[in-house]
Each structure stands twice: as structure tokens, then as C-alpha cells.
Amino acid sequence: MGQAEWARGLAERLLAEPLSRRWAHTQGVAARAESLAPILGDEADTLTAAAYLHDIGYSPELVDTGFHPLDGARYLRDVAGADDRLCRLVAHHSCAVNEATERDLYDALTKEFAPERRELADALTYCDMTTGPDGRHLDVHERLAEIHSRYGPDHLVSRSITTSTPCILAAVDAIETKLRELSAR
């Protein structure tokens, strides 16, 4: 069984029933990841697995700190015995260091989990930030606006997304550039 297949089963078990909308988002993110196989080559399975796992920290079973990237990565490392790269991708997905700072968890996040290689992290950010809560494809600007509207302007998630916006836009642009280059060949 490949990593993506294993990750899908785990994410479905943790998200499908208690958080059906989060599961729909997760499936959409994984579908976006699968679509990047032509530019990722051998890393496509790792990205797809990370896409399935990126939001498992929202599962009521796993909530510890309330910061889903850290809670999910710790579960993957300590309970599921996941590959270190998957743990790092989940821990740092979508510029998570900014929200970690807002939550006073920066030291915990960065001491426990080093960032993953930029190209793969950008690919996961692209997949997450171009997929809406219902799993449908969204433009990155629509997705950012949706997050702000869901949380409101004063919420720490909105503040961290504002701080993360340049990082998110750069990641999305990097992947879209690679996709355009591939289609131009």
C-alpha cells in the first residue's frame, strides 16, 4: 500500500464522520495534489499523502493544543508512526509558522518539526489554498477571502492569514508557473 492510500484511510477515519465538511475539503486538496503528479514525479505520492493528512489535527480525537498543524503532526509522529516528511509537511502546511506565532507555539512547532523542502511545501500550500471548504477549486484570492469571512477580522486565524498572504501567494505562483511551463512544452 502506498503512502497516499494509507493516508486516505487514516484521514477518512478521523474526519469523515465528525467533520464531514473538513473531509470534503481534504478530498479536494488530495485531488489537487494528484493533479500535480506531472510536475512532482516521484514525490507525487508523498504530496498526496500529506494532502490527505494536512487537516487531521482538527479531529476531535486529536485536539491537544488547538493548533491543528501541530496536533496532526504530533499524532502522525507519536501514534501513527508516519514518515518524517509527512509529519513536517503537515506541521508546516500553508505557512503555519505564522499561526504558531499567534498561538505562542512557534518554539514548539519549530523545535519538533523542521520545515520540509520548499518545492514540496509550496505544492501542499497550493493545493490547500486553492480548495474551498466544500472541496471545490477556488482561486487563491477567493480562498483567502473565504477564510477571512469565516473567522472575522480580529480572529488570530485571520491575523495569521494576513501575515501569511505573501508566502501563500508566492507558493501558488510558483506552482502555477511550473504548470504553465509544463503545458507549454
Protein backbone atom coordinates (compact mmCIF):
# COMPACT_ATOMS: atom_id res chain seq x y z
CA MET A 1 0.00 0.00 0.00
CA GLY A 2 1.36 3.44 -0.93
CA GLN A 3 1.53 6.38 1.45
CA ALA A 4 -1.40 8.13 -0.20
CA GLU A 5 -3.67 5.12 0.14
CA TRP A 6 -2.70 4.69 3.80
CA ALA A 7 -3.17 8.42 4.45
CA ARG A 8 -6.59 8.44 2.81
CA GLY A 9 -7.83 5.68 5.10
CA LEU A 10 -6.48 7.38 8.21
CA ALA A 11 -7.89 10.80 7.29
CA GLU A 12 -11.26 9.33 6.42
CA ARG A 13 -11.43 7.56 9.79
CA LEU A 14 -10.54 10.74 11.66
CA LEU A 15 -12.55 13.29 9.66
CA ALA A 16 -15.42 11.81 7.64
CA GLU A 17 -17.96 11.33 10.40
CA PRO A 18 -17.17 14.04 12.95
CA LEU A 19 -16.18 16.72 10.40
CA SER A 20 -17.81 15.93 7.06
CA ARG A 21 -17.15 19.37 5.58
CA ARG A 22 -13.47 19.19 6.59
CA TRP A 23 -13.37 15.73 4.95
CA ALA A 24 -14.81 17.23 1.74
CA HIS A 25 -12.10 19.90 1.79
CA THR A 26 -9.45 17.25 2.42
CA GLN A 27 -10.61 15.15 -0.52
CA GLY A 28 -10.48 18.23 -2.75
CA VAL A 29 -6.96 19.07 -1.57
CA ALA A 30 -5.86 15.49 -2.29
CA ALA A 31 -7.39 15.64 -5.78
CA ARG A 32 -5.42 18.85 -6.45
CA ALA A 33 -2.29 17.09 -5.20
CA GLU A 34 -2.87 14.16 -7.57
CA SER A 35 -3.19 16.65 -10.43
CA LEU A 36 0.37 17.84 -9.73
CA ALA A 37 1.92 14.44 -10.45
CA PRO A 38 3.36 15.63 -13.81
CA ILE A 39 5.49 18.26 -12.06
CA LEU A 40 6.32 16.23 -8.93
CA GLY A 41 7.38 12.89 -10.34
CA ASP A 42 8.48 10.55 -7.54
CA GLU A 43 7.20 12.92 -4.85
CA ALA A 44 3.57 12.82 -6.03
CA ASP A 45 2.60 10.05 -3.59
CA THR A 46 4.16 11.95 -0.67
CA LEU A 47 2.31 15.14 -1.59
CA THR A 48 -1.00 13.32 -1.98
CA ALA A 49 -0.50 11.63 1.39
CA ALA A 50 0.27 14.99 3.02
CA ALA A 51 -2.81 16.48 1.37
CA TYR A 52 -4.98 13.79 2.95
CA LEU A 53 -3.34 14.32 6.33
CA HIS A 54 -2.92 18.10 6.46
CA ASP A 55 -6.08 18.78 8.49
CA ILE A 56 -6.35 15.67 10.69
CA GLY A 57 -5.40 17.82 13.67
CA TYR A 58 -8.97 19.18 13.59
CA SER A 59 -10.29 15.73 14.52
CA PRO A 60 -11.87 15.81 18.00
CA GLU A 61 -9.78 12.70 18.77
CA LEU A 62 -6.53 14.59 18.22
CA VAL A 63 -7.09 18.10 19.54
CA ASP A 64 -4.48 18.94 22.15
CA THR A 65 -3.08 22.43 21.63
CA GLY A 66 -5.92 23.62 19.38
CA PHE A 67 -3.39 24.30 16.62
CA HIS A 68 -4.28 21.67 14.03
CA PRO A 69 -0.92 21.51 12.17
CA LEU A 70 0.95 20.72 15.39
CA ASP A 71 -1.71 18.38 16.79
CA GLY A 72 -1.88 16.48 13.50
CA ALA A 73 1.90 16.23 13.09
CA ARG A 74 2.35 15.01 16.66
CA TYR A 75 -0.28 12.33 16.15
CA LEU A 76 1.38 11.22 12.93
CA ARG A 77 4.79 11.04 14.61
CA ASP A 78 3.80 9.64 18.01
CA VAL A 79 0.83 7.38 17.25
CA ALA A 80 0.68 6.60 13.55
CA GLY A 81 4.42 6.19 13.02
CA ALA A 82 4.28 8.23 9.83
CA ASP A 83 7.20 9.13 7.61
CA ASP A 84 9.12 12.15 8.92
CA ARG A 85 8.48 14.10 5.70
CA LEU A 86 4.73 13.72 6.13
CA CYS A 87 4.95 14.95 9.70
CA ARG A 88 6.96 18.01 8.62
CA LEU A 89 4.61 18.82 5.74
CA VAL A 90 1.55 18.61 8.00
CA ALA A 91 3.24 20.64 10.74
CA HIS A 92 4.22 23.47 8.40
CA HIS A 93 1.43 23.43 5.81
CA SER A 94 0.18 26.71 4.41
CA CYS A 95 2.71 28.91 6.21
CA ALA A 96 1.67 27.56 9.62
CA VAL A 97 4.57 29.24 11.43
CA ASN A 98 2.62 32.50 11.40
CA GLU A 99 -0.36 30.99 13.18
CA ALA A 100 2.01 29.19 15.54
CA THR A 101 3.44 32.59 16.44
CA GLU A 102 -0.07 33.96 17.09
CA ARG A 103 -0.77 30.99 19.36
CA ASP A 104 2.60 31.21 21.17
CA LEU A 105 3.51 27.79 19.76
CA TYR A 106 6.32 28.84 17.42
CA ASP A 107 9.05 27.29 19.56
CA ALA A 108 7.17 24.00 19.95
CA LEU A 109 6.46 23.79 16.21
CA THR A 110 9.96 24.65 15.05
CA LYS A 111 11.80 22.58 17.66
CA GLU A 112 9.74 19.47 17.00
CA PHE A 113 9.40 19.74 13.22
CA ALA A 114 11.86 21.20 10.75
CA PRO A 115 10.35 22.66 7.58
CA GLU A 116 10.17 20.41 4.52
CA ARG A 117 11.83 21.18 1.19
CA ARG A 118 10.38 24.39 -0.25
CA GLU A 119 9.06 22.96 -3.53
CA LEU A 120 7.03 20.26 -1.80
CA ALA A 121 5.78 22.67 0.88
CA ASP A 122 4.75 25.11 -1.86
CA ALA A 123 2.85 22.34 -3.62
CA LEU A 124 0.88 21.50 -0.46
CA THR A 125 0.15 25.18 0.16
CA TYR A 126 -1.05 25.49 -3.44
CA CYS A 127 -3.39 22.52 -3.03
CA ASP A 128 -4.80 23.75 0.30
CA MET A 129 -5.13 27.39 -0.69
CA THR A 130 -6.89 26.70 -4.00
CA THR A 131 -9.51 24.38 -2.48
CA GLY A 132 -12.60 25.64 -0.68
CA PRO A 133 -14.21 24.16 2.42
CA ASP A 134 -16.54 22.02 0.28
CA GLY A 135 -13.67 20.60 -1.80
CA ARG A 136 -14.23 22.73 -4.89
CA HIS A 137 -11.39 24.52 -6.68
CA LEU A 138 -11.12 28.21 -5.81
CA ASP A 139 -8.81 30.98 -6.91
CA VAL A 140 -6.32 31.70 -4.12
CA HIS A 141 -7.81 35.17 -3.56
CA GLU A 142 -11.28 33.69 -3.18
CA ARG A 143 -9.91 31.16 -0.70
CA LEU A 144 -8.18 33.83 1.37
CA ALA A 145 -11.37 35.92 1.39
CA GLU A 146 -13.38 32.85 2.44
CA ILE A 147 -11.05 32.24 5.41
CA HIS A 148 -11.29 35.88 6.48
CA SER A 149 -15.09 35.84 6.22
CA ARG A 150 -15.34 32.60 8.19
CA TYR A 151 -13.21 33.83 11.10
CA GLY A 152 -13.75 37.59 11.08
CA PRO A 153 -11.11 40.31 11.03
CA ASP A 154 -9.97 40.10 14.67
CA HIS A 155 -9.55 36.34 14.95
CA LEU A 156 -5.99 35.01 15.24
CA VAL A 157 -6.54 32.84 12.15
CA SER A 158 -7.39 35.93 10.11
CA ARG A 159 -4.38 37.77 11.50
CA SER A 160 -2.08 34.86 10.69
CA ILE A 161 -3.55 34.50 7.19
CA THR A 162 -2.90 38.21 6.62
CA THR A 163 0.72 37.71 7.67
CA SER A 164 0.94 34.53 5.57
CA THR A 165 -0.58 36.01 2.42
CA PRO A 166 2.74 36.88 0.70
CA CYS A 167 4.06 33.36 1.43
CA ILE A 168 0.81 31.77 0.21
CA LEU A 169 0.69 33.84 -2.97
CA ALA A 170 4.35 33.07 -3.73
CA ALA A 171 3.72 29.33 -3.27
CA VAL A 172 0.66 29.38 -5.52
CA ASP A 173 2.51 31.42 -8.14
CA ALA A 174 5.49 29.02 -8.08
CA ILE A 175 3.28 26.00 -8.73
CA GLU A 176 1.15 27.74 -11.36
CA THR A 177 4.37 28.79 -13.13
CA LYS A 178 5.58 25.17 -13.19
CA LEU A 179 2.20 24.03 -14.54
CA ARG A 180 2.31 26.68 -17.29
CA GLU A 181 5.85 25.69 -18.21
CA LEU A 182 4.83 22.05 -18.41
CA SER A 183 1.84 22.78 -20.63
CA ALA A 184 3.99 24.96 -22.93
CA ARG A 185 6.31 22.03 -23.72
